[in-house]
Amino acid sequence: MAAPLLNENEIRFLRALLERKVRFLVVGLSAAALQGAPVVTQDVDLWFEELTDPNIREALKEVNAAYAPPSHLNPPMFVGGGIELFDIVLTLHGLGNFSEEWENAIEVSVGREKLRVLRLDRIIVSKRKANRPKDQLVLPVLEDSLAASVASRTKGEKGTDANPSPDSG
């Protein structure tokens, strides 16, 4: 299954972020789905290097949306403009800082755009560390997807069937 389908405004928002050189990563299950994991999610989690970057506000204006800062009752969020699908992630458990994860992220094409996405192995680390019941449920699927991806790359590199070694997982 794939990440949620994006509507026109959501794509416009992502394009506006990219055009303004805002550094962000797609993380969570939507990032896993973009890498071929058979998971379903209802949102797209975005992790920004600097949430106070004025270019984020400019991108939001382009789609008639706004940033709602956190309050004691609500996390930070985007409102209006038909981009409510996006959730803002402030921290990821068990991972390095944004810059470290940015350097090791991969690029995935979404339509004509190339988005930086947290690698599947890093998503697994974060979900293990968070250890929420919903994370525990999805971990076997993510781990199987990672193993299949490694096996596929190994097969492609050698040109023959190859089994990953017991040490590789």
Protein backbone atom coordinates (compact mmCIF):
# COMPACT_ATOMS: atom_id res chain seq x y z
CA MET A 1 0.00 0.00 0.00
CA ALA A 2 1.16 3.51 -0.62
CA ALA A 3 1.29 6.70 1.36
CA PRO A 4 -1.92 8.70 1.30
CA LEU A 5 -2.75 10.22 -2.05
CA LEU A 6 -1.96 13.90 -2.07
CA ASN A 7 -4.43 16.49 -3.25
CA GLU A 8 -3.47 19.43 -5.45
CA ASN A 9 -2.94 21.84 -2.53
CA GLU A 10 -0.79 19.33 -0.63
CA ILE A 11 1.43 18.90 -3.68
CA ARG A 12 1.54 22.69 -4.16
CA PHE A 13 2.58 23.09 -0.51
CA LEU A 14 5.38 20.53 -0.83
CA ARG A 15 6.54 22.18 -4.05
CA ALA A 16 6.49 25.60 -2.36
CA LEU A 17 8.62 24.24 0.50
CA LEU A 18 11.09 22.73 -1.97
CA GLU A 19 11.26 25.89 -4.10
CA ARG A 20 12.04 27.92 -0.98
CA LYS A 21 14.76 25.42 0.04
CA VAL A 22 13.04 24.59 3.34
CA ARG A 23 14.80 21.57 4.83
CA PHE A 24 12.30 18.92 5.90
CA LEU A 25 12.06 15.15 5.97
CA VAL A 26 9.08 12.90 5.44
CA VAL A 27 9.14 10.52 8.42
CA GLY A 28 6.95 7.86 10.04
CA LEU A 29 4.74 5.37 8.24
CA SER A 30 4.25 7.63 5.23
CA ALA A 31 8.04 7.55 4.71
CA ALA A 32 7.97 3.77 5.09
CA ALA A 33 5.15 3.48 2.54
CA LEU A 34 7.08 5.65 0.08
CA GLN A 35 9.88 3.08 0.36
CA GLY A 36 7.54 0.21 -0.46
CA ALA A 37 6.53 -0.99 3.00
CA PRO A 38 2.98 -2.39 2.91
CA VAL A 39 1.61 -0.06 5.57
CA VAL A 40 -1.33 2.30 5.79
CA THR A 41 -1.34 5.69 7.44
CA GLN A 42 -3.79 8.54 7.63
CA ASP A 43 -1.29 11.38 7.64
CA VAL A 44 2.08 12.50 6.37
CA ASP A 45 4.58 13.34 9.10
CA LEU A 46 6.98 16.17 8.31
CA TRP A 47 10.07 16.93 10.40
CA PHE A 48 11.47 20.42 9.80
CA GLU A 49 15.02 21.50 10.50
CA GLU A 50 13.79 24.84 11.79
CA LEU A 51 10.08 25.30 12.36
CA THR A 52 10.59 29.07 12.66
CA ASP A 53 11.96 29.28 9.09
CA PRO A 54 9.98 32.18 7.52
CA ASN A 55 9.92 30.27 4.22
CA ILE A 56 7.52 27.77 5.79
CA ARG A 57 5.06 30.63 6.42
CA GLU A 58 5.52 31.82 2.82
CA ALA A 59 4.80 28.32 1.49
CA LEU A 60 1.71 28.16 3.70
CA LYS A 61 0.48 31.51 2.35
CA GLU A 62 0.76 30.16 -1.18
CA VAL A 63 -1.91 27.54 -0.38
CA ASN A 64 -4.00 29.78 1.92
CA ALA A 65 -2.98 27.87 5.03
CA ALA A 66 -1.38 28.89 8.30
CA TYR A 67 0.73 27.57 11.15
CA ALA A 68 -1.00 27.11 14.51
CA PRO A 69 1.63 27.11 17.25
CA PRO A 70 1.40 24.57 20.07
CA SER A 71 -0.73 25.24 23.10
CA HIS A 72 -1.22 23.25 26.26
CA LEU A 73 -4.07 21.42 24.52
CA ASN A 74 -2.77 21.00 20.96
CA PRO A 75 0.49 20.20 19.20
CA PRO A 76 1.72 22.55 16.46
CA MET A 77 -0.23 22.09 13.25
CA PHE A 78 -1.07 23.43 9.84
CA VAL A 79 -4.60 24.70 9.37
CA GLY A 80 -6.64 25.63 6.32
CA GLY A 81 -5.70 25.40 2.69
CA GLY A 82 -6.60 21.74 2.46
CA ILE A 83 -3.24 20.58 3.87
CA GLU A 84 -4.45 19.09 7.14
CA LEU A 85 -3.01 15.74 6.04
CA PHE A 86 0.41 16.95 7.19
CA ASP A 87 1.45 16.51 10.82
CA ILE A 88 4.42 18.36 12.28
CA VAL A 89 6.91 16.14 14.09
CA LEU A 90 9.07 17.82 16.71
CA THR A 91 11.20 14.88 17.86
CA LEU A 92 11.91 11.33 16.84
CA HIS A 93 12.89 8.89 19.57
CA GLY A 94 16.27 7.18 19.37
CA LEU A 95 17.57 9.15 16.39
CA GLY A 96 20.22 11.78 15.86
CA ASN A 97 19.46 15.44 15.36
CA PHE A 98 17.84 16.68 12.17
CA SER A 99 21.13 17.41 10.39
CA GLU A 100 22.46 13.91 11.05
CA GLU A 101 19.29 12.26 9.78
CA TRP A 102 19.11 14.65 6.80
CA GLU A 103 22.58 13.56 5.64
CA ASN A 104 21.52 9.90 5.64
CA ALA A 105 18.02 10.37 4.21
CA ILE A 106 17.09 9.14 0.75
CA GLU A 107 15.26 10.87 -2.08
CA VAL A 108 11.94 9.51 -3.25
CA SER A 109 9.95 10.81 -6.20
CA VAL A 110 6.40 11.90 -5.50
CA GLY A 111 4.98 12.97 -8.83
CA ARG A 112 7.52 15.38 -10.28
CA GLU A 113 8.92 16.30 -6.87
CA LYS A 114 11.81 14.63 -5.08
CA LEU A 115 11.29 14.47 -1.33
CA ARG A 116 13.89 13.60 1.29
CA VAL A 117 12.63 10.67 3.31
CA LEU A 118 13.90 9.09 6.53
CA ARG A 119 15.42 5.69 5.69
CA LEU A 120 13.43 2.60 6.65
CA ASP A 121 16.08 1.33 9.06
CA ARG A 122 15.95 4.67 10.91
CA ILE A 123 12.15 4.55 11.05
CA ILE A 124 12.46 1.13 12.69
CA VAL A 125 14.95 2.47 15.27
CA SER A 126 12.58 5.30 16.15
CA LYS A 127 9.52 3.06 16.42
CA ARG A 128 11.41 0.58 18.63
CA LYS A 129 12.54 3.39 20.92
CA ALA A 130 9.08 4.99 21.12
CA ASN A 131 7.69 1.54 21.98
CA ARG A 132 4.04 2.59 21.74
CA PRO A 133 1.49 -0.20 21.20
CA LYS A 134 0.80 1.01 17.65
CA ASP A 135 4.55 0.95 16.92
CA GLN A 136 4.92 -2.56 18.31
CA LEU A 137 2.17 -3.74 15.96
CA VAL A 138 3.80 -2.35 12.81
CA LEU A 139 7.43 -3.23 13.59
CA PRO A 140 7.30 -6.79 12.16
CA VAL A 141 5.97 -5.41 8.85
CA LEU A 142 8.67 -2.74 8.70
CA GLU A 143 11.40 -5.24 9.58
CA ASP A 144 10.19 -7.66 6.90
CA SER A 145 10.11 -4.81 4.36
CA LEU A 146 13.67 -3.84 5.26
CA ALA A 147 14.85 -7.45 4.96
CA ALA A 148 13.14 -7.79 1.57
CA SER A 149 14.72 -4.53 0.40
CA VAL A 150 18.19 -5.66 1.50
CA ALA A 151 17.68 -9.05 -0.18
CA SER A 152 16.51 -7.37 -3.38
CA ARG A 153 19.53 -5.05 -3.47
CA THR A 154 21.87 -7.95 -2.76
CA LYS A 155 20.28 -9.98 -5.55
CA GLY A 156 20.55 -7.04 -7.94
CA GLU A 157 24.21 -6.43 -7.07
CA LYS A 158 25.23 -10.06 -7.55
CA GLY A 159 22.90 -10.80 -10.44
CA THR A 160 21.83 -14.08 -8.81
CA ASP A 161 19.62 -15.19 -5.98
CA ALA A 162 21.28 -14.36 -2.69
CA ASN A 163 20.20 -14.88 0.87
CA PRO A 164 21.14 -12.22 3.38
CA SER A 165 23.50 -13.56 6.00
CA PRO A 166 22.08 -14.20 9.48
CA ASP A 167 24.28 -11.33 10.71
CA SER A 168 22.71 -8.74 8.38
CA GLY A 169 19.45 -8.14 10.17
